């Protein structure tokens, strides 16, 4: 008998802002990791992460075990792994550098 291993993945476009209040919430409960894709023409150069223990909950900035803010420097036409520190979060929001308008990026989540 062959065991069937089912893997779950999701791809979605999300709108991000320089403000946590405006950025789109991403449910992370069913996933262990993923990628973020910065599209051509984007003005985003960095991403920070705000996390919550529940969907629709209160979001707080994510820090690592050394008390350093978790962020990644990004460039257009590249994909980056989501930080390992997101593993315990039920939901997260991406917060960008001080851009003048909203931007849409792609997120790939994997179980």
PDB file of N, CA and C in Angstrom:
ATOM      1  N   UNK A   1       0.840  -1.161   0.000  1.00  0.00           N
ATOM      2  CA  UNK A   1       0.000   0.000   0.000  1.00  0.00           C
ATOM      3  C   UNK A   1       0.893   1.234   0.000  1.00  0.00           C
ATOM      4  N   UNK A   2       0.593   2.181  -0.859  1.00  0.00           N
ATOM      5  CA  UNK A   2       1.374   3.399  -0.974  1.00  0.00           C
ATOM      6  C   UNK A   2       0.708   4.514  -0.181  1.00  0.00           C
ATOM      7  N   UNK A   3       1.485   5.175   0.634  1.00  0.00           N
ATOM      8  CA  UNK A   3       0.959   6.302   1.400  1.00  0.00           C
ATOM      9  C   UNK A   3       0.890   7.527   0.492  1.00  0.00           C
ATOM     10  N   UNK A   4      -0.182   8.272   0.618  1.00  0.00           N
ATOM     11  CA  UNK A   4      -0.349   9.502  -0.146  1.00  0.00           C
ATOM     12  C   UNK A   4      -0.068  10.676   0.778  1.00  0.00           C
ATOM     13  N   UNK A   5       0.918  11.453   0.421  1.00  0.00           N
ATOM     14  CA  UNK A   5       1.253  12.635   1.199  1.00  0.00           C
ATOM     15  C   UNK A   5       0.652  13.834   0.485  1.00  0.00           C
ATOM     16  N   UNK A   6      -0.221  14.521   1.177  1.00  0.00           N
ATOM     17  CA  UNK A   6      -0.876  15.664   0.575  1.00  0.00           C
ATOM     18  C   UNK A   6      -0.217  16.937   1.099  1.00  0.00           C
ATOM     19  N   UNK A   7       0.231  17.755   0.202  1.00  0.00           N
ATOM     20  CA  UNK A   7       0.857  19.027   0.556  1.00  0.00           C
ATOM     21  C   UNK A   7      -0.092  20.148   0.146  1.00  0.00           C
ATOM     22  N   UNK A   8      -0.168  21.140   0.984  1.00  0.00           N
ATOM     23  CA  UNK A   8      -1.036  22.273   0.700  1.00  0.00           C
ATOM     24  C   UNK A   8      -0.185  23.485   0.354  1.00  0.00           C
ATOM     25  N   UNK A   9      -0.623  24.216  -0.630  1.00  0.00           N
ATOM     26  CA  UNK A   9       0.061  25.454  -0.964  1.00  0.00           C
ATOM     27  C   UNK A   9      -0.975  26.460  -1.434  1.00  0.00           C
ATOM     28  N   UNK A  10      -0.601  27.713  -1.367  1.00  0.00           N
ATOM     29  CA  UNK A  10      -1.503  28.781  -1.763  1.00  0.00           C
ATOM     30  C   UNK A  10      -0.671  29.899  -2.364  1.00  0.00           C
ATOM     31  N   UNK A  11      -1.187  30.487  -3.413  1.00  0.00           N
ATOM     32  CA  UNK A  11      -0.562  31.639  -4.034  1.00  0.00           C
ATOM     33  C   UNK A  11      -1.588  32.755  -4.044  1.00  0.00           C
ATOM     34  N   UNK A  12      -1.193  33.928  -3.604  1.00  0.00           N
ATOM     35  CA  UNK A  12      -2.141  35.035  -3.596  1.00  0.00           C
ATOM     36  C   UNK A  12      -1.432  36.358  -3.768  1.00  0.00           C
ATOM     37  N   UNK A  13      -2.141  37.314  -4.329  1.00  0.00           N
ATOM     38  CA  UNK A  13      -1.644  38.678  -4.438  1.00  0.00           C
ATOM     39  C   UNK A  13      -2.160  39.453  -3.245  1.00  0.00           C
ATOM     40  N   UNK A  14      -1.293  40.224  -2.604  1.00  0.00           N
ATOM     41  CA  UNK A  14      -1.683  41.017  -1.441  1.00  0.00           C
ATOM     42  C   UNK A  14      -1.248  42.463  -1.639  1.00  0.00           C
ATOM     43  N   UNK A  15      -2.030  43.358  -1.070  1.00  0.00           N
ATOM     44  CA  UNK A  15      -1.712  44.771  -1.121  1.00  0.00           C
ATOM     45  C   UNK A  15      -0.984  45.146   0.153  1.00  0.00           C
ATOM     46  N   UNK A  16       0.138  45.830  -0.004  1.00  0.00           N
ATOM     47  CA  UNK A  16       0.938  46.232   1.149  1.00  0.00           C
ATOM     48  C   UNK A  16       1.121  47.743   1.160  1.00  0.00           C
ATOM     49  N   UNK A  17       1.287  48.261   2.348  1.00  0.00           N
ATOM     50  CA  UNK A  17       1.462  49.698   2.564  1.00  0.00           C
ATOM     51  C   UNK A  17       2.601  49.921   3.555  1.00  0.00           C
ATOM     52  N   UNK A  18       2.910  51.180   3.801  1.00  0.00           N
ATOM     53  CA  UNK A  18       3.883  51.538   4.826  1.00  0.00           C
ATOM     54  C   UNK A  18       3.230  51.514   6.211  1.00  0.00           C
ATOM     55  N   UNK A  19       1.918  51.292   6.272  1.00  0.00           N
ATOM     56  CA  UNK A  19       1.183  51.266   7.531  1.00  0.00           C
ATOM     57  C   UNK A  19       0.602  49.881   7.795  1.00  0.00           C
ATOM     58  N   UNK A  20       0.743  49.407   9.025  1.00  0.00           N
ATOM     59  CA  UNK A  20       0.155  48.119   9.408  1.00  0.00           C
ATOM     60  C   UNK A  20      -1.362  48.149   9.272  1.00  0.00           C
ATOM     61  N   UNK A  21      -1.968  49.257   9.643  1.00  0.00           N
ATOM     62  CA  UNK A  21      -3.428  49.362   9.623  1.00  0.00           C
ATOM     63  C   UNK A  21      -4.011  49.154   8.231  1.00  0.00           C
ATOM     64  N   UNK A  22      -3.274  49.522   7.195  1.00  0.00           N
ATOM     65  CA  UNK A  22      -3.778  49.417   5.831  1.00  0.00           C
ATOM     66  C   UNK A  22      -3.363  48.133   5.119  1.00  0.00           C
ATOM     67  N   UNK A  23      -2.251  47.541   5.518  1.00  0.00           N
ATOM     68  CA  UNK A  23      -1.745  46.348   4.836  1.00  0.00           C
ATOM     69  C   UNK A  23      -2.685  45.162   5.030  1.00  0.00           C
ATOM     70  N   UNK A  24      -2.726  44.301   4.035  1.00  0.00           N
ATOM     71  CA  UNK A  24      -3.626  43.147   4.039  1.00  0.00           C
ATOM     72  C   UNK A  24      -3.110  42.032   4.947  1.00  0.00           C
ATOM     73  N   UNK A  25      -4.018  41.462   5.719  1.00  0.00           N
ATOM     74  CA  UNK A  25      -3.684  40.356   6.614  1.00  0.00           C
ATOM     75  C   UNK A  25      -3.528  39.065   5.822  1.00  0.00           C
ATOM     76  N   UNK A  26      -2.529  38.271   6.191  1.00  0.00           N
ATOM     77  CA  UNK A  26      -2.267  36.994   5.532  1.00  0.00           C
ATOM     78  C   UNK A  26      -2.367  35.896   6.583  1.00  0.00           C
ATOM     79  N   UNK A  27      -3.327  34.992   6.405  1.00  0.00           N
ATOM     80  CA  UNK A  27      -3.473  33.876   7.337  1.00  0.00           C
ATOM     81  C   UNK A  27      -2.338  32.892   7.112  1.00  0.00           C
ATOM     82  N   UNK A  28      -1.704  32.483   8.216  1.00  0.00           N
ATOM     83  CA  UNK A  28      -0.505  31.660   8.132  1.00  0.00           C
ATOM     84  C   UNK A  28      -0.664  30.362   8.921  1.00  0.00           C
ATOM     85  N   UNK A  29      -1.844  30.120   9.484  1.00  0.00           N
ATOM     86  CA  UNK A  29      -2.056  29.000  10.401  1.00  0.00           C
ATOM     87  C   UNK A  29      -1.800  27.636   9.786  1.00  0.00           C
ATOM     88  N   UNK A  30      -2.122  27.458   8.526  1.00  0.00           N
ATOM     89  CA  UNK A  30      -1.998  26.149   7.885  1.00  0.00           C
ATOM     90  C   UNK A  30      -0.679  25.962   7.145  1.00  0.00           C
ATOM     91  N   UNK A  31       0.229  26.930   7.283  1.00  0.00           N
ATOM     92  CA  UNK A  31       1.443  26.912   6.479  1.00  0.00           C
ATOM     93  C   UNK A  31       2.691  26.989   7.344  1.00  0.00           C
ATOM     94  N   UNK A  32       3.772  26.446   6.841  1.00  0.00           N
ATOM     95  CA  UNK A  32       5.034  26.428   7.579  1.00  0.00           C
ATOM     96  C   UNK A  32       6.041  27.420   7.008  1.00  0.00           C
ATOM     97  N   UNK A  33       5.825  27.889   5.812  1.00  0.00           N
ATOM     98  CA  UNK A  33       6.767  28.804   5.194  1.00  0.00           C
ATOM     99  C   UNK A  33       6.255  29.290   3.863  1.00  0.00           C
ATOM    100  N   UNK A  34       7.122  29.945   3.120  1.00  0.00           N
ATOM    101  CA  UNK A  34       6.711  30.432   1.818  1.00  0.00           C
ATOM    102  C   UNK A  34       7.700  31.415   1.231  1.00  0.00           C
ATOM    103  N   UNK A  35       7.260  32.073   0.176  1.00  0.00           N
ATOM    104  CA  UNK A  35       8.068  33.045  -0.547  1.00  0.00           C
ATOM    105  C   UNK A  35       7.272  34.318  -0.765  1.00  0.00           C
ATOM    106  N   UNK A  36       7.985  35.415  -0.915  1.00  0.00           N
ATOM    107  CA  UNK A  36       7.386  36.676  -1.326  1.00  0.00           C
ATOM    108  C   UNK A  36       8.077  37.099  -2.616  1.00  0.00           C
ATOM    109  N   UNK A  37       7.292  37.513  -3.607  1.00  0.00           N
ATOM    110  CA  UNK A  37       7.814  37.894  -4.916  1.00  0.00           C
ATOM    111  C   UNK A  37       7.617  39.393  -5.115  1.00  0.00           C
ATOM    112  N   UNK A  38       8.696  40.106  -5.392  1.00  0.00           N
ATOM    113  CA  UNK A  38       8.637  41.546  -5.643  1.00  0.00           C
ATOM    114  C   UNK A  38       8.605  41.746  -7.157  1.00  0.00           C
ATOM    115  N   UNK A  39       7.501  42.297  -7.689  1.00  0.00           N
ATOM    116  CA  UNK A  39       7.350  42.395  -9.143  1.00  0.00           C
ATOM    117  C   UNK A  39       8.167  43.529  -9.763  1.00  0.00           C
ATOM    118  N   UNK A  40       8.347  43.440 -11.067  1.00  0.00           N
ATOM    119  CA  UNK A  40       9.006  44.488 -11.829  1.00  0.00           C
ATOM    120  C   UNK A  40       8.231  45.799 -11.654  1.00  0.00           C
ATOM    121  N   UNK A  41       8.932  46.892 -11.499  1.00  0.00           N
ATOM    122  CA  UNK A  41       8.302  48.197 -11.361  1.00  0.00           C
ATOM    123  C   UNK A  41       7.962  48.584  -9.929  1.00  0.00           C
ATOM    124  N   UNK A  42       8.184  47.689  -8.996  1.00  0.00           N
ATOM    125  CA  UNK A  42       7.876  47.976  -7.595  1.00  0.00           C
ATOM    126  C   UNK A  42       8.889  48.964  -7.024  1.00  0.00           C
ATOM    127  N   UNK A  43       8.422  49.802  -6.092  1.00  0.00           N
ATOM    128  CA  UNK A  43       9.329  50.720  -5.403  1.00  0.00           C
ATOM    129  C   UNK A  43       9.695  50.205  -4.007  1.00  0.00           C
ATOM    130  N   UNK A  44       9.259  48.997  -3.680  1.00  0.00           N
ATOM    131  CA  UNK A  44       9.547  48.413  -2.371  1.00  0.00           C
ATOM    132  C   UNK A  44      11.017  48.004  -2.294  1.00  0.00           C
ATOM    133  N   UNK A  45      11.678  48.417  -1.213  1.00  0.00           N
ATOM    134  CA  UNK A  45      13.081  48.035  -1.009  1.00  0.00           C
ATOM    135  C   UNK A  45      13.291  47.268   0.286  1.00  0.00           C
ATOM    136  N   UNK A  46      12.265  47.257   1.153  1.00  0.00           N
ATOM    137  CA  UNK A  46      12.383  46.485   2.392  1.00  0.00           C
ATOM    138  C   UNK A  46      10.999  46.071   2.866  1.00  0.00           C
ATOM    139  N   UNK A  47      10.966  44.976   3.613  1.00  0.00           N
ATOM    140  CA  UNK A  47       9.731  44.470   4.200  1.00  0.00           C
ATOM    141  C   UNK A  47       9.955  44.172   5.673  1.00  0.00           C
ATOM    142  N   UNK A  48       8.980  44.553   6.488  1.00  0.00           N
ATOM    143  CA  UNK A  48       8.952  44.199   7.898  1.00  0.00           C
ATOM    144  C   UNK A  48       7.687  43.389   8.111  1.00  0.00           C
ATOM    145  N   UNK A  49       7.575  42.762   9.269  1.00  0.00           N
ATOM    146  CA  UNK A  49       6.482  41.833   9.513  1.00  0.00           C
ATOM    147  C   UNK A  49       5.798  42.155  10.836  1.00  0.00           C
ATOM    148  N   UNK A  50       4.486  42.308  10.780  1.00  0.00           N
ATOM    149  CA  UNK A  50       3.677  42.456  11.980  1.00  0.00           C
ATOM    150  C   UNK A  50       2.866  41.182  12.118  1.00  0.00           C
ATOM    151  N   UNK A  51       2.781  40.635  13.327  1.00  0.00           N
ATOM    152  CA  UNK A  51       2.164  39.328  13.542  1.00  0.00           C
ATOM    153  C   UNK A  51       1.044  39.400  14.573  1.00  0.00           C
ATOM    154  N   UNK A  52       0.150  38.401  14.486  1.00  0.00           N
ATOM    155  CA  UNK A  52      -0.942  38.267  15.434  1.00  0.00           C
ATOM    156  C   UNK A  52      -1.152  36.789  15.741  1.00  0.00           C
ATOM    157  N   UNK A  53      -1.702  36.528  16.917  1.00  0.00           N
ATOM    158  CA  UNK A  53      -1.984  35.141  17.303  1.00  0.00           C
ATOM    159  C   UNK A  53      -3.353  34.676  16.835  1.00  0.00           C
ATOM    160  N   UNK A  54      -4.117  35.567  16.181  1.00  0.00           N
ATOM    161  CA  UNK A  54      -5.448  35.208  15.690  1.00  0.00           C
ATOM    162  C   UNK A  54      -5.803  36.081  14.494  1.00  0.00           C
ATOM    163  N   UNK A  55      -6.621  35.555  13.619  1.00  0.00           N
ATOM    164  CA  UNK A  55      -7.108  36.335  12.492  1.00  0.00           C
ATOM    165  C   UNK A  55      -7.910  37.519  13.012  1.00  0.00           C
ATOM    166  N   UNK A  56      -7.604  38.708  12.517  1.00  0.00           N
ATOM    167  CA  UNK A  56      -8.309  39.900  12.955  1.00  0.00           C
ATOM    168  C   UNK A  56      -7.861  40.413  14.314  1.00  0.00           C
ATOM    169  N   UNK A  57      -6.788  39.838  14.841  1.00  0.00           N
ATOM    170  CA  UNK A  57      -6.308  40.208  16.170  1.00  0.00           C
ATOM    171  C   UNK A  57      -5.476  41.477  16.166  1.00  0.00           C
ATOM    172  N   UNK A  58      -4.824  41.714  17.289  1.00  0.00           N
ATOM    173  CA  UNK A  58      -3.924  42.840  17.426  1.00  0.00           C
ATOM    174  C   UNK A  58      -2.566  42.452  16.856  1.00  0.00           C
ATOM    175  N   UNK A  59      -2.011  43.306  16.027  1.00  0.00           N
ATOM    176  CA  UNK A  59      -0.734  43.019  15.370  1.00  0.00           C
ATOM    177  C   UNK A  59       0.399  43.767  16.051  1.00  0.00           C
ATOM    178  N   UNK A  60       1.508  43.057  16.214  1.00  0.00           N
ATOM    179  CA  UNK A  60       2.718  43.608  16.816  1.00  0.00           C
ATOM    180  C   UNK A  60       3.891  43.353  15.884  1.00  0.00           C
ATOM    181  N   UNK A  61       4.874  44.239  15.895  1.00  0.00           N
ATOM    182  CA  UNK A  61       6.073  44.079  15.073  1.00  0.00           C
ATOM    183  C   UNK A  61       6.823  42.829  15.494  1.00  0.00           C
ATOM    184  N   UNK A  62       7.358  42.084  14.542  1.00  0.00           N
ATOM    185  CA  UNK A  62       8.080  40.843  14.800  1.00  0.00           C
ATOM    186  C   UNK A  62       9.562  41.126  15.040  1.00  0.00           C
ATOM    187  N   UNK A  63      10.078  40.559  16.137  1.00  0.00           N
ATOM    188  CA  UNK A  63      11.495  40.664  16.493  1.00  0.00           C
ATOM    189  C   UNK A  63      12.057  39.254  16.633  1.00  0.00           C
ATOM    190  N   UNK A  64      13.361  39.128  16.443  1.00  0.00           N
ATOM    191  CA  UNK A  64      13.985  37.822  16.599  1.00  0.00           C
ATOM    192  C   UNK A  64      14.447  37.622  18.043  1.00  0.00           C
ATOM    193  N   UNK A  65      15.086  36.495  18.321  1.00  0.00           N
ATOM    194  CA  UNK A  65      15.490  36.164  19.691  1.00  0.00           C
ATOM    195  C   UNK A  65      16.583  37.078  20.225  1.00  0.00           C
ATOM    196  N   UNK A  66      17.233  37.841  19.343  1.00  0.00           N
ATOM    197  CA  UNK A  66      18.242  38.812  19.775  1.00  0.00           C
ATOM    198  C   UNK A  66      17.655  40.207  19.936  1.00  0.00           C
ATOM    199  N   UNK A  67      16.336  40.301  19.854  1.00  0.00           N
ATOM    200  CA  UNK A  67      15.593  41.562  19.972  1.00  0.00           C
ATOM    201  C   UNK A  67      15.871  42.515  18.810  1.00  0.00           C
ATOM    202  N   UNK A  68      16.164  41.954  17.637  1.00  0.00           N
ATOM    203  CA  UNK A  68      16.343  42.746  16.422  1.00  0.00           C
ATOM    204  C   UNK A  68      15.072  42.627  15.572  1.00  0.00           C
ATOM    205  N   UNK A  69      14.638  43.737  15.023  1.00  0.00           N
ATOM    206  CA  UNK A  69      13.453  43.740  14.174  1.00  0.00           C
ATOM    207  C   UNK A  69      13.678  42.831  12.970  1.00  0.00           C
ATOM    208  N   UNK A  70      12.712  41.963  12.679  1.00  0.00           N
ATOM    209  CA  UNK A  70      12.820  41.062  11.535  1.00  0.00           C
ATOM    210  C   UNK A  70      12.427  41.840  10.279  1.00  0.00           C
ATOM    211  N   UNK A  71      13.356  41.954   9.347  1.00  0.00           N
ATOM    212  CA  UNK A  71      13.089  42.648   8.087  1.00  0.00           C
ATOM    213  C   UNK A  71      13.951  42.017   7.002  1.00  0.00           C
ATOM    214  N   UNK A  72      13.536  42.234   5.762  1.00  0.00           N
ATOM    215  CA  UNK A  72      14.347  41.774   4.640  1.00  0.00           C
ATOM    216  C   UNK A  72      14.485  42.905   3.637  1.00  0.00           C
ATOM    217  N   UNK A  73      15.662  43.027   3.063  1.00  0.00           N
ATOM    218  CA  UNK A  73      15.914  43.972   1.985  1.00  0.00           C
ATOM    219  C   UNK A  73      15.590  43.255   0.691  1.00  0.00           C
ATOM    220  N   UNK A  74      14.829  43.925  -0.193  1.00  0.00           N
ATOM    221  CA  UNK A  74      14.349  43.272  -1.408  1.00  0.00           C
ATOM    222  C   UNK A  74      14.652  44.119  -2.643  1.00  0.00           C
ATOM    223  N   UNK A  75      14.569  43.487  -3.797  1.00  0.00           N
ATOM    224  CA  UNK A  75      14.729  44.156  -5.084  1.00  0.00           C
ATOM    225  C   UNK A  75      13.693  43.586  -6.054  1.00  0.00           C
ATOM    226  N   UNK A  76      13.425  44.315  -7.121  1.00  0.00           N
ATOM    227  CA  UNK A  76      12.411  43.891  -8.085  1.00  0.00           C
ATOM    228  C   UNK A  76      12.825  42.622  -8.822  1.00  0.00           C
ATOM    229  N   UNK A  77      11.808  41.906  -9.299  1.00  0.00           N
ATOM    230  CA  UNK A  77      12.000  40.670 -10.070  1.00  0.00           C
ATOM    231  C   UNK A  77      12.758  39.594  -9.311  1.00  0.00           C
ATOM    232  N   UNK A  78      12.532  39.534  -7.989  1.00  0.00           N
ATOM    233  CA  UNK A  78      13.174  38.513  -7.170  1.00  0.00           C
ATOM    234  C   UNK A  78      12.176  37.935  -6.181  1.00  0.00           C
ATOM    235  N   UNK A  79      12.425  36.692  -5.799  1.00  0.00           N
ATOM    236  CA  UNK A  79      11.618  36.021  -4.782  1.00  0.00           C
ATOM    237  C   UNK A  79      12.487  35.804  -3.549  1.00  0.00           C
ATOM    238  N   UNK A  80      11.880  35.964  -2.369  1.00  0.00           N
ATOM    239  CA  UNK A  80      12.607  35.834  -1.101  1.00  0.00           C
ATOM    240  C   UNK A  80      11.845  34.909  -0.165  1.00  0.00           C
ATOM    241  N   UNK A  81      12.561  34.098   0.614  1.00  0.00           N
ATOM    242  CA  UNK A  81      11.868  33.239   1.585  1.00  0.00           C
ATOM    243  C   UNK A  81      11.295  34.074   2.720  1.00  0.00           C
ATOM    244  N   UNK A  82      10.127  33.656   3.193  1.00  0.00           N
ATOM    245  CA  UNK A  82       9.578  34.282   4.397  1.00  0.00           C
ATOM    246  C   UNK A  82      10.472  33.901   5.574  1.00  0.00           C
ATOM    247  N   UNK A  83      10.687  34.804   6.513  1.00  0.00           N
ATOM    248  CA  UNK A  83      11.583  34.506   7.641  1.00  0.00           C
ATOM    249  C   UNK A  83      11.067  33.362   8.509  1.00  0.00           C
ATOM    250  N   UNK A  84      11.978  32.566   9.026  1.00  0.00           N
ATOM    251  CA  UNK A  84      11.631  31.462   9.923  1.00  0.00           C
ATOM    252  C   UNK A  84      10.874  31.948  11.155  1.00  0.00           C
ATOM    253  N   UNK A  85      11.117  33.175  11.577  1.00  0.00           N
ATOM    254  CA  UNK A  85      10.469  33.722  12.772  1.00  0.00           C
ATOM    255  C   UNK A  85       8.952  33.823  12.635  1.00  0.00           C
ATOM    256  N   UNK A  86       8.419  33.744  11.413  1.00  0.00           N
ATOM    257  CA  UNK A  86       6.968  33.788  11.198  1.00  0.00           C
ATOM    258  C   UNK A  86       6.274  32.480  11.573  1.00  0.00           C
ATOM    259  N   UNK A  87       7.019  31.433  11.798  1.00  0.00           N
ATOM    260  CA  UNK A  87       6.446  30.101  11.992  1.00  0.00           C
ATOM    261  C   UNK A  87       5.353  30.068  13.065  1.00  0.00           C
ATOM    262  N   UNK A  88       5.532  30.767  14.169  1.00  0.00           N
ATOM    263  CA  UNK A  88       4.568  30.723  15.259  1.00  0.00           C
ATOM    264  C   UNK A  88       3.373  31.638  15.101  1.00  0.00           C
ATOM    265  N   UNK A  89       3.337  32.452  14.059  1.00  0.00           N
ATOM    266  CA  UNK A  89       2.257  33.425  13.882  1.00  0.00           C
ATOM    267  C   UNK A  89       1.039  32.800  13.221  1.00  0.00           C
ATOM    268  N   UNK A  90      -0.150  33.176  13.703  1.00  0.00           N
ATOM    269  CA  UNK A  90      -1.388  32.744  13.054  1.00  0.00           C
ATOM    270  C   UNK A  90      -1.654  33.592  11.809  1.00  0.00           C
ATOM    271  N   UNK A  91      -1.332  34.870  11.886  1.00  0.00           N
ATOM    272  CA  UNK A  91      -1.512  35.804  10.777  1.00  0.00           C
ATOM    273  C   UNK A  91      -0.358  36.798  10.781  1.00  0.00           C
ATOM    274  N   UNK A  92      -0.079  37.349   9.610  1.00  0.00           N
ATOM    275  CA  UNK A  92       0.929  38.397   9.549  1.00  0.00           C
ATOM    276  C   UNK A  92       0.556  39.421   8.491  1.00  0.00           C
ATOM    277  N   UNK A  93       1.168  40.578   8.607  1.00  0.00           N
ATOM    278  CA  UNK A  93       1.029  41.642   7.619  1.00  0.00           C
ATOM    279  C   UNK A  93       2.427  42.067   7.202  1.00  0.00           C
ATOM    280  N   UNK A  94       2.566  42.364   5.931  1.00  0.00           N
ATOM    281  CA  UNK A  94       3.818  42.897   5.411  1.00  0.00           C
ATOM    282  C   UNK A  94       3.737  44.415   5.469  1.00  0.00           C
ATOM    283  N   UNK A  95       4.777  45.031   5.983  1.00  0.00           N
ATOM    284  CA  UNK A  95       4.852  46.488   6.064  1.00  0.00           C
ATOM    285  C   UNK A  95       6.060  46.909   5.245  1.00  0.00           C
ATOM    286  N   UNK A  96       5.853  47.848   4.329  1.00  0.00           N
ATOM    287  CA  UNK A  96       6.924  48.260   3.420  1.00  0.00           C
ATOM    288  C   UNK A  96       7.622  49.512   3.915  1.00  0.00           C
ATOM    289  N   UNK A  97       8.705  49.862   3.204  1.00  0.00           N
ATOM    290  CA  UNK A  97       9.354  51.136   3.443  1.00  0.00           C
ATOM    291  C   UNK A  97       8.370  52.253   3.088  1.00  0.00           C
ATOM    292  N   UNK A  98       8.719  53.442   3.297  1.00  0.00           N
ATOM    293  CA  UNK A  98       7.820  54.580   3.130  1.00  0.00           C
ATOM    294  C   UNK A  98       7.518  54.850   1.653  1.00  0.00           C
ATOM    295  N   UNK A  99       6.608  54.069   1.088  1.00  0.00           N
ATOM    296  CA  UNK A  99       6.206  54.260  -0.301  1.00  0.00           C
ATOM    297  C   UNK A  99       5.037  55.236  -0.341  1.00  0.00           C
ATOM    298  N   UNK A 100       4.788  55.829  -1.490  1.00  0.00           N
ATOM    299  CA  UNK A 100       3.757  56.857  -1.596  1.00  0.00           C
ATOM    300  C   UNK A 100       2.366  56.298  -1.885  1.00  0.00           C
ATOM    301  N   UNK A 101       2.273  55.053  -2.301  1.00  0.00           N
ATOM    302  CA  UNK A 101       0.958  54.462  -2.577  1.00  0.00           C
ATOM    303  C   UNK A 101       1.020  52.964  -2.271  1.00  0.00           C
ATOM    304  N   UNK A 102      -0.137  52.320  -2.358  1.00  0.00           N
ATOM    305  CA  UNK A 102      -0.173  50.880  -2.129  1.00  0.00           C
ATOM    306  C   UNK A 102       0.510  50.149  -3.280  1.00  0.00           C
ATOM    307  N   UNK A 103       0.992  48.953  -2.990  1.00  0.00           N
ATOM    308  CA  UNK A 103       1.586  48.108  -4.015  1.00  0.00           C
ATOM    309  C   UNK A 103       1.090  46.685  -3.819  1.00  0.00           C
ATOM    310  N   UNK A 104       1.013  45.958  -4.914  1.00  0.00           N
ATOM    311  CA  UNK A 104       0.579  44.564  -4.861  1.00  0.00           C
ATOM    312  C   UNK A 104       1.782  43.678  -5.127  1.00  0.00           C
ATOM    313  N   UNK A 105       1.964  42.700  -4.239  1.00  0.00           N
ATOM    314  CA  UNK A 105       3.025  41.724  -4.413  1.00  0.00           C
ATOM    315  C   UNK A 105       2.405  40.329  -4.301  1.00  0.00           C
ATOM    316  N   UNK A 106       3.162  39.338  -4.635  1.00  0.00           N
ATOM    317  CA  UNK A 106       2.671  37.957  -4.610  1.00  0.00           C
ATOM    318  C   UNK A 106       3.299  37.196  -3.444  1.00  0.00           C
ATOM    319  N   UNK A 107       2.464  36.387  -2.778  1.00  0.00           N
ATOM    320  CA  UNK A 107       2.912  35.543  -1.675  1.00  0.00           C
ATOM    321  C   UNK A 107       2.625  34.098  -2.041  1.00  0.00           C
ATOM    322  N   UNK A 108       3.592  33.211  -1.820  1.00  0.00           N
ATOM    323  CA  UNK A 108       3.413  31.782  -2.000  1.00  0.00           C
ATOM    324  C   UNK A 108       3.563  31.148  -0.621  1.00  0.00           C
ATOM    325  N   UNK A 109       2.536  30.457  -0.145  1.00  0.00           N
ATOM    326  CA  UNK A 109       2.582  29.803   1.159  1.00  0.00           C
ATOM    327  C   UNK A 109       2.610  28.300   0.963  1.00  0.00           C
ATOM    328  N   UNK A 110       3.360  27.611   1.802  1.00  0.00           N
ATOM    329  CA  UNK A 110       3.538  26.156   1.654  1.00  0.00           C
ATOM    330  C   UNK A 110       3.447  25.477   3.014  1.00  0.00           C
ATOM    331  N   UNK A 111       2.711  24.370   3.031  1.00  0.00           N
ATOM    332  CA  UNK A 111       2.577  23.597   4.276  1.00  0.00           C
ATOM    333  C   UNK A 111       3.795  22.762   4.519  1.00  0.00           C
TER     334      UNK A 111
END
